[in-house]
Amino acid sequence: MTTGPPSSRTETRTPMKVLVELCSFENITHEFAYTVDVSAHGARVLTKNPWQSNQHLTVRSVQGNLYSQARVTYCQSVDGRCFAIGLELRQPTADWTEPQKHSVTGVRLTPGSRTATDSAIRTSGRFWLAAI
């Protein structure tokens, strides 16, 4: 862990609470967390667990269209209860505030499920299988 965020930023961050999904295949880590503030190429996120500096992961907004590979720039303990991590986004697919373009009503989306009636649905740059 490093001591904290860099002292100077190249982009202005906007305070915004967005539920995101963080996934890392480097050490099989998965977590849902909220952003504190965001910019076009980064975010500060509060997590339950510590993340390693320079760890690579994917970040996806649960309600919106944002999906990106990312790198953890710092991780610091917050009041001994949670951790604040800085994320550097690599080629995000959308803006934080862009509404979700894909919606399916009456279909339960589950990653990786297979039944005879499964159909592939592409959302946020990832393939999900819909059990109908």
C-alpha atoms as a PDB file:
ATOM      1  CA  MET A   1       0.000   0.000   0.000  1.00  0.00           C
ATOM      2  CA  THR A   2       1.127   3.534  -0.631  1.00  0.00           C
ATOM      3  CA  THR A   3       0.474   6.541   1.535  1.00  0.00           C
ATOM      4  CA  GLY A   4      -2.227   8.181  -0.538  1.00  0.00           C
ATOM      5  CA  PRO A   5      -3.322   9.918  -3.694  1.00  0.00           C
ATOM      6  CA  PRO A   6      -0.873  11.936  -5.793  1.00  0.00           C
ATOM      7  CA  SER A   7      -0.545  15.581  -4.755  1.00  0.00           C
ATOM      8  CA  SER A   8      -1.401  16.942  -8.220  1.00  0.00           C
ATOM      9  CA  ARG A   9      -3.987  15.755 -10.724  1.00  0.00           C
ATOM     10  CA  THR A  10      -4.208  16.198 -14.463  1.00  0.00           C
ATOM     11  CA  GLU A  11      -8.034  16.004 -14.447  1.00  0.00           C
ATOM     12  CA  THR A  12     -10.619  17.500 -12.128  1.00  0.00           C
ATOM     13  CA  ARG A  13     -12.610  14.940 -10.172  1.00  0.00           C
ATOM     14  CA  THR A  14     -16.327  15.340  -9.570  1.00  0.00           C
ATOM     15  CA  PRO A  15     -17.904  14.072  -6.333  1.00  0.00           C
ATOM     16  CA  MET A  16     -20.188  11.216  -7.435  1.00  0.00           C
ATOM     17  CA  LYS A  17     -21.407   8.054  -5.707  1.00  0.00           C
ATOM     18  CA  VAL A  18     -21.569   5.239  -8.280  1.00  0.00           C
ATOM     19  CA  LEU A  19     -21.882   1.524  -7.483  1.00  0.00           C
ATOM     20  CA  VAL A  20     -19.098  -0.324  -9.319  1.00  0.00           C
ATOM     21  CA  GLU A  21     -17.965  -3.915  -9.681  1.00  0.00           C
ATOM     22  CA  LEU A  22     -14.220  -4.470  -9.318  1.00  0.00           C
ATOM     23  CA  CYS A  23     -12.679  -7.722 -10.618  1.00  0.00           C
ATOM     24  CA  SER A  24      -9.048  -8.830 -10.692  1.00  0.00           C
ATOM     25  CA  PHE A  25      -7.857 -12.046 -12.304  1.00  0.00           C
ATOM     26  CA  GLU A  26      -4.338 -11.523 -10.925  1.00  0.00           C
ATOM     27  CA  ASN A  27      -5.377 -12.760  -7.490  1.00  0.00           C
ATOM     28  CA  ILE A  28      -9.030 -13.760  -8.016  1.00  0.00           C
ATOM     29  CA  THR A  29     -10.559 -10.731  -6.271  1.00  0.00           C
ATOM     30  CA  HIS A  30     -14.125  -9.484  -6.737  1.00  0.00           C
ATOM     31  CA  GLU A  31     -15.917  -6.700  -4.888  1.00  0.00           C
ATOM     32  CA  PHE A  32     -18.809  -4.264  -5.228  1.00  0.00           C
ATOM     33  CA  ALA A  33     -17.976  -0.771  -3.960  1.00  0.00           C
ATOM     34  CA  TYR A  34     -18.931   2.906  -4.298  1.00  0.00           C
ATOM     35  CA  THR A  35     -16.960   5.708  -5.879  1.00  0.00           C
ATOM     36  CA  VAL A  36     -16.280   8.890  -3.903  1.00  0.00           C
ATOM     37  CA  ASP A  37     -15.300  11.026  -6.872  1.00  0.00           C
ATOM     38  CA  VAL A  38     -14.728  10.407 -10.572  1.00  0.00           C
ATOM     39  CA  SER A  39     -13.086  11.865 -13.676  1.00  0.00           C
ATOM     40  CA  ALA A  40     -12.929  10.798 -17.317  1.00  0.00           C
ATOM     41  CA  HIS A  41      -9.902   8.568 -16.650  1.00  0.00           C
ATOM     42  CA  GLY A  42      -9.991   7.815 -12.928  1.00  0.00           C
ATOM     43  CA  ALA A  43     -11.894   7.387  -9.689  1.00  0.00           C
ATOM     44  CA  ARG A  44     -11.497   7.182  -5.929  1.00  0.00           C
ATOM     45  CA  VAL A  45     -13.347   4.130  -4.614  1.00  0.00           C
ATOM     46  CA  LEU A  46     -14.088   2.971  -1.047  1.00  0.00           C
ATOM     47  CA  THR A  47     -13.566  -0.787  -0.652  1.00  0.00           C
ATOM     48  CA  LYS A  48     -13.911  -3.314   2.174  1.00  0.00           C
ATOM     49  CA  ASN A  49     -10.618  -4.996   1.357  1.00  0.00           C
ATOM     50  CA  PRO A  50      -7.154  -3.652   0.525  1.00  0.00           C
ATOM     51  CA  TRP A  51      -5.944  -3.689  -3.091  1.00  0.00           C
ATOM     52  CA  GLN A  52      -2.280  -3.650  -4.114  1.00  0.00           C
ATOM     53  CA  SER A  53      -0.768  -0.629  -5.860  1.00  0.00           C
ATOM     54  CA  ASN A  54      -0.256  -1.350  -9.580  1.00  0.00           C
ATOM     55  CA  GLN A  55      -2.756  -4.225  -9.420  1.00  0.00           C
ATOM     56  CA  HIS A  56      -4.672  -4.582 -12.710  1.00  0.00           C
ATOM     57  CA  LEU A  57      -8.436  -5.054 -12.645  1.00  0.00           C
ATOM     58  CA  THR A  58     -11.650  -4.337 -14.496  1.00  0.00           C
ATOM     59  CA  VAL A  59     -14.197  -1.805 -13.304  1.00  0.00           C
ATOM     60  CA  ARG A  60     -17.836  -1.705 -14.369  1.00  0.00           C
ATOM     61  CA  SER A  61     -20.596   0.666 -13.296  1.00  0.00           C
ATOM     62  CA  VAL A  62     -23.576  -1.394 -12.174  1.00  0.00           C
ATOM     63  CA  GLN A  63     -26.250   1.063 -13.381  1.00  0.00           C
ATOM     64  CA  GLY A  64     -24.460   2.775 -16.251  1.00  0.00           C
ATOM     65  CA  ASN A  65     -22.411   1.894 -19.303  1.00  0.00           C
ATOM     66  CA  LEU A  66     -18.896   2.414 -17.980  1.00  0.00           C
ATOM     67  CA  TYR A  67     -16.526  -0.521 -18.397  1.00  0.00           C
ATOM     68  CA  SER A  68     -12.743  -0.312 -18.348  1.00  0.00           C
ATOM     69  CA  GLN A  69      -9.549  -2.063 -17.523  1.00  0.00           C
ATOM     70  CA  ALA A  70      -7.865  -0.156 -14.710  1.00  0.00           C
ATOM     71  CA  ARG A  71      -4.809   0.046 -12.499  1.00  0.00           C
ATOM     72  CA  VAL A  72      -4.757   0.711  -8.748  1.00  0.00           C
ATOM     73  CA  THR A  73      -2.640   3.840  -8.212  1.00  0.00           C
ATOM     74  CA  TYR A  74      -2.830   3.859  -4.400  1.00  0.00           C
ATOM     75  CA  CYS A  75      -4.567   2.170  -1.469  1.00  0.00           C
ATOM     76  CA  GLN A  76      -4.949   3.766   1.951  1.00  0.00           C
ATOM     77  CA  SER A  77      -6.785   2.761   5.106  1.00  0.00           C
ATOM     78  CA  VAL A  78      -9.744   4.964   6.056  1.00  0.00           C
ATOM     79  CA  ASP A  79     -10.541   5.019   9.786  1.00  0.00           C
ATOM     80  CA  GLY A  80      -9.409   1.375  10.054  1.00  0.00           C
ATOM     81  CA  ARG A  81     -12.798   0.271   8.641  1.00  0.00           C
ATOM     82  CA  CYS A  82     -12.340   0.445   4.881  1.00  0.00           C
ATOM     83  CA  PHE A  83      -9.848   1.380   2.175  1.00  0.00           C
ATOM     84  CA  ALA A  84      -9.732   4.171  -0.388  1.00  0.00           C
ATOM     85  CA  ILE A  85      -8.205   3.195  -3.712  1.00  0.00           C
ATOM     86  CA  GLY A  86      -7.318   5.339  -6.680  1.00  0.00           C
ATOM     87  CA  LEU A  87      -8.080   3.885 -10.092  1.00  0.00           C
ATOM     88  CA  GLU A  88      -6.526   4.861 -13.393  1.00  0.00           C
ATOM     89  CA  LEU A  89      -8.936   3.847 -16.163  1.00  0.00           C
ATOM     90  CA  ARG A  90      -7.558   2.504 -19.460  1.00  0.00           C
ATOM     91  CA  GLN A  91      -9.850   3.229 -22.423  1.00  0.00           C
ATOM     92  CA  PRO A  92     -13.225   3.487 -20.627  1.00  0.00           C
ATOM     93  CA  THR A  93     -16.193   2.507 -22.808  1.00  0.00           C
ATOM     94  CA  ALA A  94     -18.472   5.328 -21.624  1.00  0.00           C
ATOM     95  CA  ASP A  95     -18.910   8.311 -19.355  1.00  0.00           C
ATOM     96  CA  TRP A  96     -19.760   7.805 -15.641  1.00  0.00           C
ATOM     97  CA  THR A  97     -23.055   9.624 -16.095  1.00  0.00           C
ATOM     98  CA  GLU A  98     -24.083   8.006 -19.399  1.00  0.00           C
ATOM     99  CA  PRO A  99     -27.313   6.042 -18.874  1.00  0.00           C
ATOM    100  CA  GLN A 100     -27.383   2.320 -19.521  1.00  0.00           C
ATOM    101  CA  LYS A 101     -28.146   1.608 -23.191  1.00  0.00           C
ATOM    102  CA  HIS A 102     -28.984  -2.074 -22.862  1.00  0.00           C
ATOM    103  CA  SER A 103     -31.908  -3.298 -20.823  1.00  0.00           C
ATOM    104  CA  VAL A 104     -33.697  -6.594 -20.867  1.00  0.00           C
ATOM    105  CA  THR A 105     -37.010  -7.000 -19.067  1.00  0.00           C
ATOM    106  CA  GLY A 106     -38.056 -10.334 -17.628  1.00  0.00           C
ATOM    107  CA  VAL A 107     -34.701 -11.996 -18.249  1.00  0.00           C
ATOM    108  CA  ARG A 108     -32.314 -13.044 -15.497  1.00  0.00           C
ATOM    109  CA  LEU A 109     -28.688 -12.383 -16.489  1.00  0.00           C
ATOM    110  CA  THR A 110     -26.122 -14.743 -15.030  1.00  0.00           C
ATOM    111  CA  PRO A 111     -22.477 -14.870 -16.035  1.00  0.00           C
ATOM    112  CA  GLY A 112     -21.580 -18.260 -17.495  1.00  0.00           C
ATOM    113  CA  SER A 113     -24.897 -20.096 -17.029  1.00  0.00           C
ATOM    114  CA  ARG A 114     -25.883 -22.611 -19.730  1.00  0.00           C
ATOM    115  CA  THR A 115     -29.302 -24.075 -20.462  1.00  0.00           C
ATOM    116  CA  ALA A 116     -30.992 -25.172 -23.667  1.00  0.00           C
ATOM    117  CA  THR A 117     -32.740 -21.795 -23.950  1.00  0.00           C
ATOM    118  CA  ASP A 118     -29.694 -19.586 -23.294  1.00  0.00           C
ATOM    119  CA  SER A 119     -29.041 -16.726 -25.651  1.00  0.00           C
ATOM    120  CA  ALA A 120     -25.985 -14.492 -25.738  1.00  0.00           C
ATOM    121  CA  ILE A 121     -26.527 -10.843 -24.938  1.00  0.00           C
ATOM    122  CA  ARG A 122     -23.687  -8.354 -25.273  1.00  0.00           C
ATOM    123  CA  THR A 123     -23.653  -5.622 -22.627  1.00  0.00           C
ATOM    124  CA  SER A 124     -20.918  -3.217 -21.618  1.00  0.00           C
ATOM    125  CA  GLY A 125     -18.328  -4.968 -23.761  1.00  0.00           C
ATOM    126  CA  ARG A 126     -18.881  -8.327 -22.038  1.00  0.00           C
ATOM    127  CA  PHE A 127     -20.949 -11.331 -23.011  1.00  0.00           C
ATOM    128  CA  TRP A 128     -23.599 -12.508 -20.585  1.00  0.00           C
ATOM    129  CA  LEU A 129     -25.847 -15.494 -20.987  1.00  0.00           C
ATOM    130  CA  ALA A 130     -29.531 -14.930 -20.426  1.00  0.00           C
ATOM    131  CA  ALA A 131     -31.520 -17.781 -18.929  1.00  0.00           C
ATOM    132  CA  ILE A 132     -34.991 -17.278 -20.394  1.00  0.00           C
END
